[in-house]
Amino acid sequence: MTDLDAFPEFDPWTQSVALYYQDGSTFIISIDQLDHYRLYGIRLAINYGTQIGASVLLLLVLLLLTRPEKRRSFIFIINALCLISNAVRCILPCCYLTGSMWHPYSQLSGDWSRVTTGDIATTVATNAMTLLVTTLIMISLSIQVWVVCVTTMPLQRYVIMVITTSMACIALGYKATVVIYNIKHILAFETMDQHLRLVSISYVVQAVSIWLFSCVFTYKLGYAIIQRRRLKMPQFGPMQIVFIMGCQTMLVPAIFSSLQFLETVPEFGTQVLTIVCIFLPLSAIWAGVVNDANAGSRPVSPGRLVHREFYQSVVSTTASGSSTVQDKSRGLSVSTYSKGKEIESAMATPSPRKSRVEDNGIHAGHEFGFSHDFATDQV
């Protein structure tokens, strides 16, 4: 009879293991905890790795397909900065996963005595980059709304801009507050439990802000498309493309934001920022290609040649500062969705406890709690 036969109810897959603190005392962990630690780290690495690849790939596409004269425009610079910042934002958590803060003993015991200054700086930088990406999102969305409202009455346009910009400032204010508190707790190796309500409010306000911007420009473009159909102009062009991508920018990030509330897959929330970062530049590229194709298929009239020469001269002197409404619609800005409890948005402070979705960012805890915050990132 084997030893296992003597303990018929013993399950080796869930057994506990005794580990030692530095002072010689012991603490108990289970195999389930080790498995959770292993799977969560792997899922995070895969999740952030795909976002890095998507951001870098779209940045290359944006650089290759954007005409040289448009690369000096403000909207192109914002698009490029969003993609670059988002790539850096995703690289930093990968560095965290390979650093001393993610060491098994540090996570399981809550002993951070051997955590290096560089790893602490990486965690702090992750929070700072999340705030930067969120700021770029709000700037790009503001530009986008201004462009689509350029044909509206001045009073109506200014009212829309005041409302949307105020909402963006409120969202940034909450996000900045959360990031500041989170950094303070990271440096003290404390948790963000006492600020969970503030974290949740920041995500909700950020989500409302993104939706408000998206609803405004999607409504304006949809109304313009209906008017064009009434005028017997139903062709598929840049306006329709931007409208389609605008709807996706509202719906898809919202779906991923809701997934952040599921404790089984909290890392999905980190995709929100990357999705929005990709959608809007992609819509501009798609609309530009279709517009160029349509322009090339039409006969070139003398009037169009004169217009082209005039437009090119204006672009050369103003650095693409004055473009037509159609060109502006093609250059819609990148909007990063820093919603949901994202791990990267506010990597919460390591602490001896199990990871929780409600916490802000990465929490290194006794129960290897790399906690995923609904972030900034993370609605």
Protein backbone atom coordinates (compact mmCIF):
# COMPACT_ATOMS: atom_id res chain seq x y z
CA MET A 1 0.00 0.00 0.00
CA THR A 2 1.42 3.38 -1.05
CA ASP A 3 1.55 6.49 1.07
CA LEU A 4 -1.27 8.02 -0.99
CA ASP A 5 -3.49 5.05 -0.17
CA ALA A 6 -3.08 5.91 3.48
CA PHE A 7 -4.54 9.39 2.77
CA PRO A 8 -7.38 8.76 0.30
CA GLU A 9 -8.65 12.35 0.58
CA PHE A 10 -5.25 13.92 -0.04
CA ASP A 11 -5.01 15.91 -3.29
CA PRO A 12 -1.38 16.67 -4.20
CA TRP A 13 -2.54 19.26 -6.76
CA THR A 14 -3.84 21.50 -3.98
CA GLN A 15 -1.31 20.76 -1.27
CA SER A 16 0.35 23.51 0.75
CA VAL A 17 4.04 24.35 0.85
CA ALA A 18 5.98 25.90 3.72
CA LEU A 19 8.43 28.70 2.92
CA TYR A 20 10.74 30.67 5.19
CA TYR A 21 10.98 34.36 5.94
CA GLN A 22 14.43 35.91 6.36
CA ASP A 23 14.12 35.65 10.15
CA GLY A 24 13.60 31.89 9.93
CA SER A 25 9.86 31.85 10.55
CA THR A 26 7.66 30.00 8.10
CA PHE A 27 4.56 30.82 6.11
CA ILE A 28 2.26 28.56 4.14
CA ILE A 29 1.22 28.90 0.51
CA SER A 30 -0.84 26.58 -1.66
CA ILE A 31 -0.21 25.15 -5.09
CA ASP A 32 -3.29 27.04 -6.27
CA GLN A 33 -1.60 30.30 -5.32
CA LEU A 34 1.51 29.34 -7.25
CA ASP A 35 -0.61 28.41 -10.25
CA HIS A 36 -2.47 31.71 -10.08
CA TYR A 37 0.84 33.57 -9.95
CA ARG A 38 2.15 31.64 -12.95
CA LEU A 39 -0.94 32.04 -15.15
CA TYR A 40 -1.49 35.68 -14.35
CA GLY A 41 2.07 36.64 -15.23
CA ILE A 42 1.90 34.73 -18.52
CA ARG A 43 -1.43 36.29 -19.49
CA LEU A 44 -0.17 39.77 -18.70
CA ALA A 45 2.98 39.27 -20.77
CA ILE A 46 0.98 38.01 -23.75
CA ASN A 47 -1.54 40.82 -23.40
CA TYR A 48 1.03 43.59 -23.29
CA GLY A 49 3.19 41.98 -25.97
CA THR A 50 0.34 42.02 -28.48
CA GLN A 51 -0.36 45.67 -27.70
CA ILE A 52 3.27 46.59 -28.27
CA GLY A 53 3.26 44.85 -31.64
CA ALA A 54 -0.01 46.45 -32.72
CA SER A 55 1.11 49.95 -31.74
CA VAL A 56 4.49 49.69 -33.46
CA LEU A 57 2.99 48.14 -36.59
CA LEU A 58 0.35 50.83 -36.96
CA LEU A 59 2.95 53.53 -36.34
CA LEU A 60 4.99 52.18 -39.26
CA VAL A 61 1.88 52.06 -41.46
CA LEU A 62 1.02 55.63 -40.47
CA LEU A 63 4.51 56.84 -41.36
CA LEU A 64 4.55 55.03 -44.70
CA LEU A 65 1.04 55.91 -45.92
CA THR A 66 0.88 59.53 -44.77
CA ARG A 67 1.89 62.01 -47.44
CA PRO A 68 5.04 64.01 -46.65
CA GLU A 69 3.22 67.35 -46.52
CA LYS A 70 0.76 65.97 -43.96
CA ARG A 71 3.47 64.74 -41.60
CA ARG A 72 4.00 68.27 -40.32
CA SER A 73 0.36 68.69 -39.35
CA PHE A 74 -0.63 68.82 -35.70
CA ILE A 75 -3.05 65.93 -36.05
CA PHE A 76 -0.35 63.64 -37.46
CA ILE A 77 1.99 64.53 -34.61
CA ILE A 78 -0.71 63.72 -32.04
CA ASN A 79 -1.46 60.40 -33.76
CA ALA A 80 2.21 59.44 -33.77
CA LEU A 81 2.74 60.52 -30.15
CA CYS A 82 -0.25 58.48 -29.03
CA LEU A 83 1.09 55.33 -30.67
CA ILE A 84 4.64 55.87 -29.39
CA SER A 85 3.47 56.64 -25.85
CA ASN A 86 1.14 53.66 -25.87
CA ALA A 87 3.96 51.35 -26.96
CA VAL A 88 6.16 52.63 -24.11
CA ARG A 89 3.23 52.28 -21.70
CA CYS A 90 2.97 48.59 -22.62
CA ILE A 91 6.72 47.95 -22.55
CA LEU A 92 7.06 49.13 -18.95
CA PRO A 93 4.75 46.45 -17.46
CA CYS A 94 6.74 43.84 -19.38
CA CYS A 95 9.85 45.15 -17.63
CA TYR A 96 7.96 44.89 -14.35
CA LEU A 97 7.21 41.22 -15.01
CA THR A 98 10.90 40.49 -15.53
CA GLY A 99 12.10 42.52 -12.54
CA SER A 100 12.61 41.89 -8.86
CA MET A 101 9.13 43.06 -7.89
CA TRP A 102 7.65 40.07 -9.70
CA HIS A 103 10.09 37.61 -8.13
CA PRO A 104 8.18 34.63 -6.67
CA TYR A 105 9.52 35.13 -3.16
CA SER A 106 8.72 38.86 -3.14
CA GLN A 107 5.20 38.21 -4.36
CA LEU A 108 4.49 35.29 -2.04
CA SER A 109 6.08 36.64 1.13
CA GLY A 110 5.54 40.36 0.73
CA ASP A 111 9.24 40.93 1.42
CA TRP A 112 10.43 43.81 -0.77
CA SER A 113 13.87 44.25 0.77
CA ARG A 114 15.65 43.19 -2.43
CA VAL A 115 13.54 45.19 -4.84
CA THR A 116 15.83 47.46 -6.84
CA THR A 117 15.39 51.17 -7.33
CA GLY A 118 15.13 50.61 -11.07
CA ASP A 119 12.14 48.31 -10.67
CA ILE A 120 10.41 50.83 -8.43
CA ALA A 121 11.09 53.53 -11.02
CA THR A 122 9.60 51.29 -13.71
CA THR A 123 6.37 50.93 -11.75
CA VAL A 124 6.19 54.68 -11.15
CA ALA A 125 6.89 55.38 -14.83
CA THR A 126 4.05 53.07 -15.81
CA ASN A 127 1.60 55.26 -13.94
CA ALA A 128 3.08 58.42 -15.43
CA MET A 129 2.84 57.05 -18.97
CA THR A 130 -0.78 56.10 -18.40
CA LEU A 131 -1.57 59.69 -17.47
CA LEU A 132 0.32 60.94 -20.52
CA VAL A 133 -1.57 58.64 -22.88
CA THR A 134 -4.87 59.70 -21.34
CA THR A 135 -3.96 63.36 -21.85
CA LEU A 136 -3.09 62.75 -25.50
CA ILE A 137 -6.40 60.96 -25.94
CA MET A 138 -8.37 63.92 -24.67
CA ILE A 139 -6.41 66.34 -26.84
CA SER A 140 -6.97 64.27 -29.95
CA LEU A 141 -10.66 63.84 -29.22
CA SER A 142 -11.05 67.59 -28.73
CA ILE A 143 -9.43 68.24 -32.10
CA GLN A 144 -11.64 65.63 -33.69
CA VAL A 145 -14.83 67.18 -32.35
CA TRP A 146 -13.70 70.65 -33.41
CA VAL A 147 -13.09 69.41 -36.96
CA VAL A 148 -16.50 67.78 -37.39
CA CYS A 149 -18.23 70.83 -35.90
CA VAL A 150 -16.46 73.30 -38.19
CA THR A 151 -19.59 73.74 -40.33
CA THR A 152 -21.99 74.29 -37.43
CA MET A 153 -23.14 77.64 -36.10
CA PRO A 154 -20.40 79.37 -34.06
CA LEU A 155 -22.48 79.46 -30.89
CA GLN A 156 -23.39 75.79 -31.19
CA ARG A 157 -19.77 74.87 -31.89
CA TYR A 158 -18.46 76.73 -28.85
CA VAL A 159 -21.12 75.24 -26.58
CA ILE A 160 -20.18 71.73 -27.72
CA MET A 161 -16.49 72.41 -27.20
CA VAL A 162 -17.03 73.88 -23.74
CA ILE A 163 -19.05 70.87 -22.60
CA THR A 164 -16.72 68.22 -24.05
CA THR A 165 -13.54 69.98 -22.95
CA SER A 166 -14.87 70.46 -19.42
CA MET A 167 -15.67 66.77 -19.22
CA ALA A 168 -12.18 65.92 -20.46
CA CYS A 169 -10.59 68.19 -17.84
CA ILE A 170 -12.64 66.55 -15.08
CA ALA A 171 -11.55 63.10 -16.26
CA LEU A 172 -7.90 64.17 -16.37
CA GLY A 173 -8.20 65.70 -12.91
CA TYR A 174 -9.47 62.45 -11.41
CA LYS A 175 -6.86 60.45 -13.29
CA ALA A 176 -4.03 62.69 -12.12
CA THR A 177 -5.23 62.41 -8.52
CA VAL A 178 -5.32 58.61 -8.71
CA VAL A 179 -1.85 58.47 -10.27
CA ILE A 180 -0.38 60.73 -7.58
CA TYR A 181 -1.87 58.65 -4.76
CA ASN A 182 -0.79 55.45 -6.46
CA ILE A 183 2.81 56.59 -6.83
CA LYS A 184 2.93 57.59 -3.17
CA HIS A 185 1.70 54.15 -2.12
CA ILE A 186 4.11 52.42 -4.47
CA LEU A 187 7.06 54.20 -2.90
CA ALA A 188 5.78 53.19 0.55
CA PHE A 189 4.95 49.60 -0.56
CA GLU A 190 1.34 50.09 0.49
CA THR A 191 -1.96 49.19 -1.13
CA MET A 192 -4.57 51.48 -2.70
CA ASP A 193 -7.45 49.95 -0.76
CA GLN A 194 -8.37 53.20 0.94
CA HIS A 195 -8.70 54.95 -2.43
CA LEU A 196 -10.68 52.33 -4.34
CA ARG A 197 -13.74 54.56 -4.53
CA LEU A 198 -11.68 57.36 -6.04
CA VAL A 199 -10.21 54.94 -8.56
CA SER A 200 -13.67 53.73 -9.60
CA ILE A 201 -14.94 57.29 -10.00
CA SER A 202 -11.96 58.21 -12.19
CA TYR A 203 -12.68 55.30 -14.51
CA VAL A 204 -16.38 56.13 -14.76
CA VAL A 205 -15.72 59.81 -15.48
CA GLN A 206 -13.14 58.89 -18.08
CA ALA A 207 -15.56 56.51 -19.78
CA VAL A 208 -18.27 59.17 -19.88
CA SER A 209 -15.82 61.65 -21.38
CA ILE A 210 -14.75 59.27 -24.14
CA TRP A 211 -18.34 58.39 -24.94
CA LEU A 212 -19.36 62.05 -25.01
CA PHE A 213 -16.68 62.90 -27.55
CA SER A 214 -17.47 59.83 -29.65
CA CYS A 215 -21.21 60.50 -29.63
CA VAL A 216 -20.73 64.08 -30.81
CA PHE A 217 -18.57 63.36 -33.83
CA THR A 218 -20.45 60.18 -34.74
CA TYR A 219 -23.76 62.06 -34.69
CA LYS A 220 -22.37 64.91 -36.77
CA LEU A 221 -20.92 62.57 -39.38
CA GLY A 222 -24.07 60.45 -39.46
CA TYR A 223 -26.23 63.52 -40.00
CA ALA A 224 -23.93 64.71 -42.79
CA ILE A 225 -24.14 61.30 -44.50
CA ILE A 226 -27.95 61.42 -44.38
CA GLN A 227 -27.92 64.89 -45.91
CA ARG A 228 -25.63 63.71 -48.71
CA ARG A 229 -28.00 60.85 -49.49
CA ARG A 230 -30.87 63.28 -49.76
CA LEU A 231 -28.78 65.21 -52.27
CA LYS A 232 -28.23 61.99 -54.26
CA MET A 233 -24.59 61.70 -53.14
CA PRO A 234 -24.54 58.19 -51.63
CA GLN A 235 -21.00 57.24 -52.68
CA PHE A 236 -18.75 55.48 -50.20
CA GLY A 237 -15.97 57.84 -49.20
CA PRO A 238 -13.88 59.20 -46.33
CA MET A 239 -16.90 60.49 -44.42
CA GLN A 240 -18.53 57.06 -44.34
CA ILE A 241 -15.25 55.44 -43.31
CA VAL A 242 -14.68 57.80 -40.41
CA PHE A 243 -18.30 57.30 -39.33
CA ILE A 244 -17.85 53.51 -39.30
CA MET A 245 -14.63 53.73 -37.32
CA GLY A 246 -16.23 56.25 -34.97
CA CYS A 247 -18.97 53.76 -34.12
CA GLN A 248 -16.37 51.08 -33.52
CA THR A 249 -14.43 53.47 -31.30
CA MET A 250 -17.51 53.78 -29.11
CA LEU A 251 -18.59 50.14 -29.03
CA VAL A 252 -15.43 48.02 -28.96
CA PRO A 253 -13.63 49.88 -26.13
CA ALA A 254 -16.89 49.82 -24.18
CA ILE A 255 -16.99 46.04 -24.48
CA PHE A 256 -13.43 45.68 -23.24
CA SER A 257 -14.10 48.17 -20.46
CA SER A 258 -16.93 46.00 -19.19
CA LEU A 259 -14.64 42.96 -19.23
CA GLN A 260 -12.44 44.66 -16.67
CA PHE A 261 -15.10 44.00 -14.04
CA LEU A 262 -14.69 40.24 -14.49
CA GLU A 263 -12.19 38.99 -11.94
CA THR A 264 -11.37 36.01 -14.14
CA VAL A 265 -9.99 38.17 -16.98
CA PRO A 266 -9.05 41.56 -15.49
CA GLU A 267 -6.12 41.96 -17.87
CA PHE A 268 -8.51 42.51 -20.80
CA GLY A 269 -9.07 46.04 -19.54
CA THR A 270 -5.54 46.97 -20.57
CA GLN A 271 -6.60 46.65 -24.21
CA VAL A 272 -8.89 49.69 -24.09
CA LEU A 273 -6.23 52.34 -24.60
CA THR A 274 -4.54 50.41 -27.38
CA ILE A 275 -7.80 49.77 -29.22
CA VAL A 276 -8.70 53.44 -29.37
CA CYS A 277 -5.12 54.40 -30.20
CA ILE A 278 -5.32 52.14 -33.24
CA PHE A 279 -8.85 52.82 -34.45
CA LEU A 280 -8.63 56.54 -35.11
CA PRO A 281 -5.30 56.59 -36.99
CA LEU A 282 -6.53 53.55 -38.90
CA SER A 283 -9.68 55.41 -39.91
CA ALA A 284 -7.60 58.36 -41.13
CA ILE A 285 -5.36 56.07 -43.19
CA TRP A 286 -8.31 54.19 -44.68
CA ALA A 287 -10.19 57.37 -45.51
CA GLY A 288 -7.10 58.90 -47.09
CA VAL A 289 -6.46 55.89 -49.32
CA VAL A 290 -10.09 55.77 -50.49
CA ASN A 291 -10.14 59.51 -51.11
CA ASP A 292 -6.94 59.35 -53.17
CA ALA A 293 -8.35 56.43 -55.16
CA ASN A 294 -11.58 58.31 -55.86
CA ALA A 295 -9.65 61.40 -56.87
CA GLY A 296 -7.48 59.38 -59.23
CA SER A 297 -10.48 57.75 -60.93
CA ARG A 298 -12.16 61.08 -61.74
CA PRO A 299 -11.21 63.10 -64.83
CA VAL A 300 -8.90 66.00 -64.07
CA SER A 301 -10.58 69.25 -65.02
CA PRO A 302 -8.77 72.58 -65.41
CA GLY A 303 -10.58 73.85 -62.34
CA ARG A 304 -9.32 70.94 -60.28
CA LEU A 305 -5.78 71.52 -61.48
CA VAL A 306 -5.97 75.15 -60.40
CA HIS A 307 -7.39 74.09 -57.04
CA ARG A 308 -4.65 71.51 -56.60
CA GLU A 309 -1.88 73.99 -57.33
CA PHE A 310 -3.44 76.54 -54.97
CA TYR A 311 -3.90 73.98 -52.22
CA GLN A 312 -0.33 72.74 -52.51
CA SER A 313 1.02 76.27 -52.26
CA VAL A 314 -1.04 76.90 -49.15
CA VAL A 315 0.18 73.68 -47.57
CA SER A 316 3.80 74.55 -48.22
CA THR A 317 3.49 77.93 -46.52
CA THR A 318 1.33 76.92 -43.57
CA ALA A 319 2.74 73.46 -42.92
CA SER A 320 -0.57 71.80 -43.60
CA GLY A 321 -2.25 74.18 -41.20
CA SER A 322 -5.22 74.96 -43.45
CA SER A 323 -6.81 71.97 -45.07
CA THR A 324 -10.29 71.38 -46.37
CA VAL A 325 -13.00 69.97 -44.16
CA GLN A 326 -12.63 66.70 -46.02
CA ASP A 327 -8.89 66.61 -45.31
CA LYS A 328 -9.56 67.41 -41.69
CA SER A 329 -11.97 64.56 -41.43
CA ARG A 330 -9.29 62.28 -42.78
CA GLY A 331 -6.84 63.45 -40.16
CA LEU A 332 -8.87 62.62 -37.15
CA SER A 333 -6.77 62.22 -34.11
CA VAL A 334 -5.76 59.19 -32.18
CA SER A 335 -7.80 58.70 -29.09
CA THR A 336 -6.50 56.42 -26.43
CA TYR A 337 -9.02 54.96 -24.18
CA SER A 338 -7.65 54.93 -20.73
CA LYS A 339 -10.52 53.24 -19.26
CA GLY A 340 -11.26 50.53 -17.06
CA LYS A 341 -9.18 49.18 -14.36
CA GLU A 342 -6.07 48.70 -16.31
CA ILE A 343 -3.02 47.25 -14.80
CA GLU A 344 -0.93 49.62 -16.70
CA SER A 345 -2.91 52.69 -15.83
CA ALA A 346 -2.04 52.72 -12.26
CA MET A 347 0.07 49.81 -11.30
CA ALA A 348 -0.91 49.52 -7.73
CA THR A 349 1.60 49.13 -5.04
CA PRO A 350 2.93 45.73 -4.17
CA SER A 351 1.45 44.38 -1.00
CA PRO A 352 1.14 41.06 0.77
CA ARG A 353 -2.25 40.13 -0.56
CA LYS A 354 -3.97 38.55 -3.48
CA SER A 355 -4.60 40.47 -6.67
CA ARG A 356 -7.93 42.19 -7.00
CA VAL A 357 -9.62 43.76 -9.95
CA GLU A 358 -10.74 46.77 -7.94
CA ASP A 359 -7.25 47.91 -7.08
CA ASN A 360 -5.50 50.54 -9.10
CA GLY A 361 -2.79 48.97 -11.14
CA ILE A 362 -0.23 46.36 -10.21
CA HIS A 363 -0.34 45.25 -6.61
CA ALA A 364 2.40 42.97 -5.57
CA GLY A 365 1.13 41.16 -2.56
CA HIS A 366 1.57 38.28 -0.24
CA GLU A 367 -0.76 36.30 -2.41
CA PHE A 368 1.16 37.50 -5.41
CA GLY A 369 -1.54 39.93 -6.06
CA PHE A 370 -0.69 41.56 -9.25
CA SER A 371 -3.95 43.43 -9.03
CA HIS A 372 -5.45 44.83 -12.18
CA ASP A 373 -6.90 48.27 -11.80
CA PHE A 374 -9.67 49.57 -13.82
CA ALA A 375 -7.69 52.08 -15.38
CA THR A 376 -6.34 54.74 -16.98
CA ASP A 377 -5.94 53.50 -18.28
CA GLN A 378 -7.23 51.77 -17.15
CA VAL A 379 -13.20 53.47 -17.50
